[in-house]
Amino acid sequence: MTKLFLVPTPIGNLEDMTLRGIRILKEVDFILAEDTRKSGILLRHFNISKPMHSHHQHNEHKTVEVIIQRLENGETAALITDAGTPAISDPGFLIVRACIENNIEVECLPGATAFIPALVNSGLPNDKFVFEGFLPKKKGRQTRLKVLAEETRTMVIYESPYKLIKTLKDLAEYLGENRQVSISREITKIHEETIRGNLAELIQHFENKAPKGEFVLIISGKE
């Protein structure tokens, strides 16, 4: 039956790949991968041999139509990203929307995503939270920070090691340096670490110790 599967992949530890995810990747006709080289390592590890096609943020607008045609012709496909669940700060939204518009069934498997363990580990309220992904780099950044300054729910933000200190300083400027934050990095990997404190303390920490790895910031809401 024609269907697009969204298959989460490990964010670090390969043991987090689900048995169902492995089975689906072995059964589909072709696999859409954010980076075919990185995904090739994963597929070889689990002895999965299927045609792989590149599908990432720079080409997804162009590839969607071809993918839809193949699905309408009766093929099945799986979408994977370099790490985590497709469409969560990664490609996926456009192809899912196109499938829905063309009455093609979509099924997203449960699996790895970085912000859930970071949120639970933070010790901050997680009954209600907002996921911001990556903040705007330039256009709209100040506007977004002003909105977040008034947000009462716990906030989740992704950041790279290269922009972490700048983002922490921007947050301190708009939210106040006493705002509580929990920062997790390298989740599920050997050097996994969570550091908690206020923004001022964590700015000082990372100015003394250069940021390494991918970061998830969990920030307390306005009281």
C-alpha atoms as a PDB file:
ATOM      1  CA  MET A   1       0.000   0.000   0.000  1.00  0.00           C
ATOM      2  CA  THR A   2       1.288   3.465  -0.911  1.00  0.00           C
ATOM      3  CA  LYS A   3       2.571   5.214   2.166  1.00  0.00           C
ATOM      4  CA  LEU A   4       5.258   7.570   3.417  1.00  0.00           C
ATOM      5  CA  PHE A   5       6.878   6.514   6.682  1.00  0.00           C
ATOM      6  CA  LEU A   6       8.729   8.999   8.877  1.00  0.00           C
ATOM      7  CA  VAL A   7      11.356   6.979  10.722  1.00  0.00           C
ATOM      8  CA  PRO A   8      13.269   8.527  13.646  1.00  0.00           C
ATOM      9  CA  THR A   9      16.972   7.669  13.803  1.00  0.00           C
ATOM     10  CA  PRO A  10      19.292   7.670  16.838  1.00  0.00           C
ATOM     11  CA  ILE A  11      20.610  11.045  17.986  1.00  0.00           C
ATOM     12  CA  GLY A  12      23.806   9.370  19.156  1.00  0.00           C
ATOM     13  CA  ASN A  13      23.545   5.872  20.575  1.00  0.00           C
ATOM     14  CA  LEU A  14      22.713   3.385  17.813  1.00  0.00           C
ATOM     15  CA  GLU A  15      20.943   1.157  20.373  1.00  0.00           C
ATOM     16  CA  ASP A  16      18.086   3.681  20.336  1.00  0.00           C
ATOM     17  CA  MET A  17      17.041   2.578  16.851  1.00  0.00           C
ATOM     18  CA  THR A  18      13.736   0.747  17.216  1.00  0.00           C
ATOM     19  CA  LEU A  19      13.098  -2.751  15.890  1.00  0.00           C
ATOM     20  CA  ARG A  20      10.076  -1.407  14.024  1.00  0.00           C
ATOM     21  CA  GLY A  21      12.146   1.341  12.450  1.00  0.00           C
ATOM     22  CA  ILE A  22      14.674  -1.202  11.178  1.00  0.00           C
ATOM     23  CA  ARG A  23      11.885  -3.379   9.752  1.00  0.00           C
ATOM     24  CA  ILE A  24      10.227  -0.446   7.950  1.00  0.00           C
ATOM     25  CA  LEU A  25      13.521   0.650   6.389  1.00  0.00           C
ATOM     26  CA  LYS A  26      14.055  -2.884   5.101  1.00  0.00           C
ATOM     27  CA  GLU A  27      10.526  -3.092   3.640  1.00  0.00           C
ATOM     28  CA  VAL A  28      10.074   0.247   1.823  1.00  0.00           C
ATOM     29  CA  ASP A  29      10.927   0.686  -1.851  1.00  0.00           C
ATOM     30  CA  PHE A  30      13.241   3.653  -1.283  1.00  0.00           C
ATOM     31  CA  ILE A  31      14.619   5.866   1.481  1.00  0.00           C
ATOM     32  CA  LEU A  32      14.835   9.665   1.544  1.00  0.00           C
ATOM     33  CA  ALA A  33      17.848  10.811   3.560  1.00  0.00           C
ATOM     34  CA  GLU A  34      19.015  14.241   4.684  1.00  0.00           C
ATOM     35  CA  ASP A  35      22.660  13.217   4.133  1.00  0.00           C
ATOM     36  CA  THR A  36      23.086   9.950   2.234  1.00  0.00           C
ATOM     37  CA  ARG A  37      26.680   9.533   3.471  1.00  0.00           C
ATOM     38  CA  LYS A  38      25.728   9.750   7.149  1.00  0.00           C
ATOM     39  CA  SER A  39      22.622   7.649   6.662  1.00  0.00           C
ATOM     40  CA  GLY A  40      24.655   5.095   4.728  1.00  0.00           C
ATOM     41  CA  ILE A  41      26.654   4.381   7.890  1.00  0.00           C
ATOM     42  CA  LEU A  42      23.425   3.775   9.833  1.00  0.00           C
ATOM     43  CA  LEU A  43      21.915   1.548   7.141  1.00  0.00           C
ATOM     44  CA  ARG A  44      25.067  -0.550   6.808  1.00  0.00           C
ATOM     45  CA  HIS A  45      25.162  -1.020  10.587  1.00  0.00           C
ATOM     46  CA  PHE A  46      21.695  -2.595  10.477  1.00  0.00           C
ATOM     47  CA  ASN A  47      22.278  -4.454   7.188  1.00  0.00           C
ATOM     48  CA  ILE A  48      19.694  -2.379   5.320  1.00  0.00           C
ATOM     49  CA  SER A  49      20.159  -2.254   1.568  1.00  0.00           C
ATOM     50  CA  LYS A  50      17.652   0.029  -0.149  1.00  0.00           C
ATOM     51  CA  PRO A  51      17.932   2.782  -2.786  1.00  0.00           C
ATOM     52  CA  MET A  52      18.635   6.093  -1.048  1.00  0.00           C
ATOM     53  CA  HIS A  53      17.877   9.581  -2.377  1.00  0.00           C
ATOM     54  CA  SER A  54      18.972  12.948  -1.038  1.00  0.00           C
ATOM     55  CA  HIS A  55      16.195  15.017   0.549  1.00  0.00           C
ATOM     56  CA  HIS A  56      17.305  18.066   2.542  1.00  0.00           C
ATOM     57  CA  GLN A  57      16.411  21.706   3.161  1.00  0.00           C
ATOM     58  CA  HIS A  58      18.237  22.900   0.042  1.00  0.00           C
ATOM     59  CA  ASN A  59      16.496  20.607  -2.439  1.00  0.00           C
ATOM     60  CA  GLU A  60      13.200  19.550  -0.821  1.00  0.00           C
ATOM     61  CA  HIS A  61      11.129  22.087  -2.753  1.00  0.00           C
ATOM     62  CA  LYS A  62      12.392  20.548  -6.004  1.00  0.00           C
ATOM     63  CA  THR A  63      12.192  16.866  -5.024  1.00  0.00           C
ATOM     64  CA  VAL A  64       8.689  16.795  -3.509  1.00  0.00           C
ATOM     65  CA  GLU A  65       6.855  16.551  -6.844  1.00  0.00           C
ATOM     66  CA  VAL A  66       8.946  13.588  -8.035  1.00  0.00           C
ATOM     67  CA  ILE A  67       8.487  11.794  -4.698  1.00  0.00           C
ATOM     68  CA  ILE A  68       4.711  12.288  -4.826  1.00  0.00           C
ATOM     69  CA  GLN A  69       4.608  10.849  -8.344  1.00  0.00           C
ATOM     70  CA  ARG A  70       6.476   7.743  -7.228  1.00  0.00           C
ATOM     71  CA  LEU A  71       4.176   7.289  -4.228  1.00  0.00           C
ATOM     72  CA  GLU A  72       1.098   7.726  -6.424  1.00  0.00           C
ATOM     73  CA  ASN A  73       2.498   4.993  -8.662  1.00  0.00           C
ATOM     74  CA  GLY A  74       2.329   2.566  -5.737  1.00  0.00           C
ATOM     75  CA  GLU A  75       5.770   2.754  -4.153  1.00  0.00           C
ATOM     76  CA  THR A  76       6.426   3.138  -0.437  1.00  0.00           C
ATOM     77  CA  ALA A  77       9.088   5.424   1.028  1.00  0.00           C
ATOM     78  CA  ALA A  78      10.732   6.220   4.339  1.00  0.00           C
ATOM     79  CA  LEU A  79      12.052   9.629   5.297  1.00  0.00           C
ATOM     80  CA  ILE A  80      14.984   9.800   7.715  1.00  0.00           C
ATOM     81  CA  THR A  81      17.197  12.652   8.881  1.00  0.00           C
ATOM     82  CA  ASP A  82      20.771  12.676  10.162  1.00  0.00           C
ATOM     83  CA  ALA A  83      19.497  12.263  13.724  1.00  0.00           C
ATOM     84  CA  GLY A  84      16.151  12.321  15.489  1.00  0.00           C
ATOM     85  CA  THR A  85      12.586  12.592  14.247  1.00  0.00           C
ATOM     86  CA  PRO A  86      11.983  14.013  10.740  1.00  0.00           C
ATOM     87  CA  ALA A  87      10.351  17.466  10.573  1.00  0.00           C
ATOM     88  CA  ILE A  88      11.492  18.454  14.095  1.00  0.00           C
ATOM     89  CA  SER A  89      13.960  21.213  13.154  1.00  0.00           C
ATOM     90  CA  ASP A  90      14.755  19.046  10.123  1.00  0.00           C
ATOM     91  CA  PRO A  91      13.251  18.442   6.647  1.00  0.00           C
ATOM     92  CA  GLY A  92       9.887  16.715   6.588  1.00  0.00           C
ATOM     93  CA  PHE A  93       7.070  19.240   6.757  1.00  0.00           C
ATOM     94  CA  LEU A  94       6.872  19.905   2.998  1.00  0.00           C
ATOM     95  CA  ILE A  95       6.682  16.267   1.948  1.00  0.00           C
ATOM     96  CA  VAL A  96       4.155  15.424   4.681  1.00  0.00           C
ATOM     97  CA  ARG A  97       1.937  18.318   3.605  1.00  0.00           C
ATOM     98  CA  ALA A  98       2.195  17.284  -0.042  1.00  0.00           C
ATOM     99  CA  CYS A  99       1.250  13.697   0.814  1.00  0.00           C
ATOM    100  CA  ILE A 100      -1.816  14.849   2.753  1.00  0.00           C
ATOM    101  CA  GLU A 101      -2.873  17.131  -0.116  1.00  0.00           C
ATOM    102  CA  ASN A 102      -2.605  14.168  -2.511  1.00  0.00           C
ATOM    103  CA  ASN A 103      -4.400  11.696  -0.214  1.00  0.00           C
ATOM    104  CA  ILE A 104      -1.263   9.645   0.372  1.00  0.00           C
ATOM    105  CA  GLU A 105      -1.101   8.017   3.791  1.00  0.00           C
ATOM    106  CA  VAL A 106       1.600   9.211   6.198  1.00  0.00           C
ATOM    107  CA  GLU A 107       2.781   7.317   9.252  1.00  0.00           C
ATOM    108  CA  CYS A 108       5.298   8.693  11.762  1.00  0.00           C
ATOM    109  CA  LEU A 109       6.988   6.151  13.994  1.00  0.00           C
ATOM    110  CA  PRO A 110       7.783   7.122  17.604  1.00  0.00           C
ATOM    111  CA  GLY A 111      11.450   7.409  18.419  1.00  0.00           C
ATOM    112  CA  ALA A 112      14.444   9.511  19.267  1.00  0.00           C
ATOM    113  CA  THR A 113      14.269  13.282  19.604  1.00  0.00           C
ATOM    114  CA  ALA A 114      16.695  15.409  21.602  1.00  0.00           C
ATOM    115  CA  PHE A 115      14.398  17.806  23.417  1.00  0.00           C
ATOM    116  CA  ILE A 116      12.293  15.287  25.384  1.00  0.00           C
ATOM    117  CA  PRO A 117      15.145  13.844  27.499  1.00  0.00           C
ATOM    118  CA  ALA A 118      16.586  17.363  27.908  1.00  0.00           C
ATOM    119  CA  LEU A 119      13.211  18.667  29.107  1.00  0.00           C
ATOM    120  CA  VAL A 120      12.665  15.805  31.549  1.00  0.00           C
ATOM    121  CA  ASN A 121      16.235  16.073  32.899  1.00  0.00           C
ATOM    122  CA  SER A 122      15.966  19.820  33.425  1.00  0.00           C
ATOM    123  CA  GLY A 123      13.928  19.735  36.614  1.00  0.00           C
ATOM    124  CA  LEU A 124      11.880  22.641  35.230  1.00  0.00           C
ATOM    125  CA  PRO A 125       8.083  22.404  34.835  1.00  0.00           C
ATOM    126  CA  ASN A 126       7.227  20.214  31.846  1.00  0.00           C
ATOM    127  CA  ASP A 127       3.454  19.911  32.104  1.00  0.00           C
ATOM    128  CA  LYS A 128       3.301  22.788  29.599  1.00  0.00           C
ATOM    129  CA  PHE A 129       6.121  23.899  27.345  1.00  0.00           C
ATOM    130  CA  VAL A 130       6.843  25.598  24.012  1.00  0.00           C
ATOM    131  CA  PHE A 131       9.269  24.256  21.429  1.00  0.00           C
ATOM    132  CA  GLU A 132      11.110  27.049  19.619  1.00  0.00           C
ATOM    133  CA  GLY A 133      13.707  25.019  17.731  1.00  0.00           C
ATOM    134  CA  PHE A 134      16.479  27.318  16.490  1.00  0.00           C
ATOM    135  CA  LEU A 135      15.956  31.042  17.087  1.00  0.00           C
ATOM    136  CA  PRO A 136      16.074  33.313  14.012  1.00  0.00           C
ATOM    137  CA  LYS A 137      19.682  34.209  13.225  1.00  0.00           C
ATOM    138  CA  LYS A 138      19.077  37.849  12.270  1.00  0.00           C
ATOM    139  CA  LYS A 139      15.706  38.889  10.861  1.00  0.00           C
ATOM    140  CA  GLY A 140      13.029  38.572  13.509  1.00  0.00           C
ATOM    141  CA  ARG A 141      15.422  37.576  16.303  1.00  0.00           C
ATOM    142  CA  GLN A 142      14.761  40.582  18.549  1.00  0.00           C
ATOM    143  CA  THR A 143      11.020  40.327  17.995  1.00  0.00           C
ATOM    144  CA  ARG A 144      11.080  36.646  18.966  1.00  0.00           C
ATOM    145  CA  LEU A 145      13.158  37.333  22.084  1.00  0.00           C
ATOM    146  CA  LYS A 146      10.680  39.998  23.195  1.00  0.00           C
ATOM    147  CA  VAL A 147       7.851  37.463  22.865  1.00  0.00           C
ATOM    148  CA  LEU A 148       9.795  34.834  24.802  1.00  0.00           C
ATOM    149  CA  ALA A 149      10.492  37.326  27.585  1.00  0.00           C
ATOM    150  CA  GLU A 150       6.739  37.253  28.379  1.00  0.00           C
ATOM    151  CA  GLU A 151       6.282  33.480  27.895  1.00  0.00           C
ATOM    152  CA  THR A 152       5.121  31.795  31.109  1.00  0.00           C
ATOM    153  CA  ARG A 153       5.667  28.216  29.934  1.00  0.00           C
ATOM    154  CA  THR A 154       8.999  26.392  29.912  1.00  0.00           C
ATOM    155  CA  MET A 155      10.834  27.041  26.627  1.00  0.00           C
ATOM    156  CA  VAL A 156      12.895  24.636  24.520  1.00  0.00           C
ATOM    157  CA  ILE A 157      15.579  25.985  22.170  1.00  0.00           C
ATOM    158  CA  TYR A 158      18.177  24.233  20.002  1.00  0.00           C
ATOM    159  CA  GLU A 159      21.597  25.791  19.503  1.00  0.00           C
ATOM    160  CA  SER A 160      24.958  24.994  17.911  1.00  0.00           C
ATOM    161  CA  PRO A 161      28.239  25.274  19.847  1.00  0.00           C
ATOM    162  CA  TYR A 162      29.264  28.234  17.671  1.00  0.00           C
ATOM    163  CA  LYS A 163      26.319  30.428  18.660  1.00  0.00           C
ATOM    164  CA  LEU A 164      25.609  29.161  22.178  1.00  0.00           C
ATOM    165  CA  ILE A 165      27.254  32.004  24.121  1.00  0.00           C
ATOM    166  CA  LYS A 166      25.681  34.675  21.907  1.00  0.00           C
ATOM    167  CA  THR A 167      22.240  33.108  22.381  1.00  0.00           C
ATOM    168  CA  LEU A 168      22.716  32.890  26.163  1.00  0.00           C
ATOM    169  CA  LYS A 169      23.725  36.567  26.278  1.00  0.00           C
ATOM    170  CA  ASP A 170      20.728  37.551  24.139  1.00  0.00           C
ATOM    171  CA  LEU A 171      18.426  35.586  26.442  1.00  0.00           C
ATOM    172  CA  ALA A 172      19.982  37.240  29.497  1.00  0.00           C
ATOM    173  CA  GLU A 173      19.416  40.662  27.937  1.00  0.00           C
ATOM    174  CA  TYR A 174      15.725  40.079  27.226  1.00  0.00           C
ATOM    175  CA  LEU A 175      14.724  37.602  29.947  1.00  0.00           C
ATOM    176  CA  GLY A 176      17.052  38.699  32.736  1.00  0.00           C
ATOM    177  CA  GLU A 177      20.270  37.026  33.829  1.00  0.00           C
ATOM    178  CA  ASN A 178      18.583  35.366  36.818  1.00  0.00           C
ATOM    179  CA  ARG A 179      16.273  33.271  34.615  1.00  0.00           C
ATOM    180  CA  GLN A 180      16.795  29.568  35.314  1.00  0.00           C
ATOM    181  CA  VAL A 181      18.064  27.367  32.491  1.00  0.00           C
ATOM    182  CA  SER A 182      19.152  23.773  31.978  1.00  0.00           C
ATOM    183  CA  ILE A 183      21.502  23.001  29.109  1.00  0.00           C
ATOM    184  CA  SER A 184      21.998  19.458  27.798  1.00  0.00           C
ATOM    185  CA  ARG A 185      24.541  18.447  25.204  1.00  0.00           C
ATOM    186  CA  GLU A 186      25.516  15.279  23.348  1.00  0.00           C
ATOM    187  CA  ILE A 187      22.374  13.478  24.510  1.00  0.00           C
ATOM    188  CA  THR A 188      22.771   9.647  24.430  1.00  0.00           C
ATOM    189  CA  LYS A 189      26.468   9.999  23.517  1.00  0.00           C
ATOM    190  CA  ILE A 190      29.590   9.254  25.589  1.00  0.00           C
ATOM    191  CA  HIS A 191      30.052  12.876  26.677  1.00  0.00           C
ATOM    192  CA  GLU A 192      26.394  13.543  27.528  1.00  0.00           C
ATOM    193  CA  GLU A 193      26.112  16.352  30.065  1.00  0.00           C
ATOM    194  CA  THR A 194      23.451  18.539  31.660  1.00  0.00           C
ATOM    195  CA  ILE A 195      24.327  21.818  33.383  1.00  0.00           C
ATOM    196  CA  ARG A 196      21.806  23.834  35.384  1.00  0.00           C
ATOM    197  CA  GLY A 197      21.810  27.349  36.806  1.00  0.00           C
ATOM    198  CA  ASN A 198      20.773  30.863  35.884  1.00  0.00           C
ATOM    199  CA  LEU A 199      21.746  32.524  32.627  1.00  0.00           C
ATOM    200  CA  ALA A 200      24.575  34.532  34.198  1.00  0.00           C
ATOM    201  CA  GLU A 201      26.128  31.393  35.688  1.00  0.00           C
ATOM    202  CA  LEU A 202      25.925  29.426  32.472  1.00  0.00           C
ATOM    203  CA  ILE A 203      27.347  32.273  30.376  1.00  0.00           C
ATOM    204  CA  GLN A 204      30.358  32.291  32.720  1.00  0.00           C
ATOM    205  CA  HIS A 205      30.617  28.500  32.549  1.00  0.00           C
ATOM    206  CA  PHE A 206      30.788  28.386  28.755  1.00  0.00           C
ATOM    207  CA  GLU A 207      33.109  31.377  28.525  1.00  0.00           C
ATOM    208  CA  ASN A 208      35.522  29.380  30.687  1.00  0.00           C
ATOM    209  CA  LYS A 209      34.875  26.072  28.914  1.00  0.00           C
ATOM    210  CA  ALA A 210      34.422  26.219  25.143  1.00  0.00           C
ATOM    211  CA  PRO A 211      31.066  24.731  24.030  1.00  0.00           C
ATOM    212  CA  LYS A 212      31.300  21.409  22.206  1.00  0.00           C
ATOM    213  CA  GLY A 213      28.489  19.309  20.748  1.00  0.00           C
ATOM    214  CA  GLU A 214      24.861  20.039  19.986  1.00  0.00           C
ATOM    215  CA  PHE A 215      22.871  21.831  22.691  1.00  0.00           C
ATOM    216  CA  VAL A 216      19.299  21.842  23.956  1.00  0.00           C
ATOM    217  CA  LEU A 217      18.364  24.809  26.161  1.00  0.00           C
ATOM    218  CA  ILE A 218      15.463  24.451  28.589  1.00  0.00           C
ATOM    219  CA  ILE A 219      14.482  27.865  29.974  1.00  0.00           C
ATOM    220  CA  SER A 220      12.046  28.588  32.783  1.00  0.00           C
ATOM    221  CA  GLY A 221       9.008  30.676  31.925  1.00  0.00           C
ATOM    222  CA  LYS A 222       8.227  34.113  33.327  1.00  0.00           C
ATOM    223  CA  GLU A 223       6.766  33.939  36.827  1.00  0.00           C
END
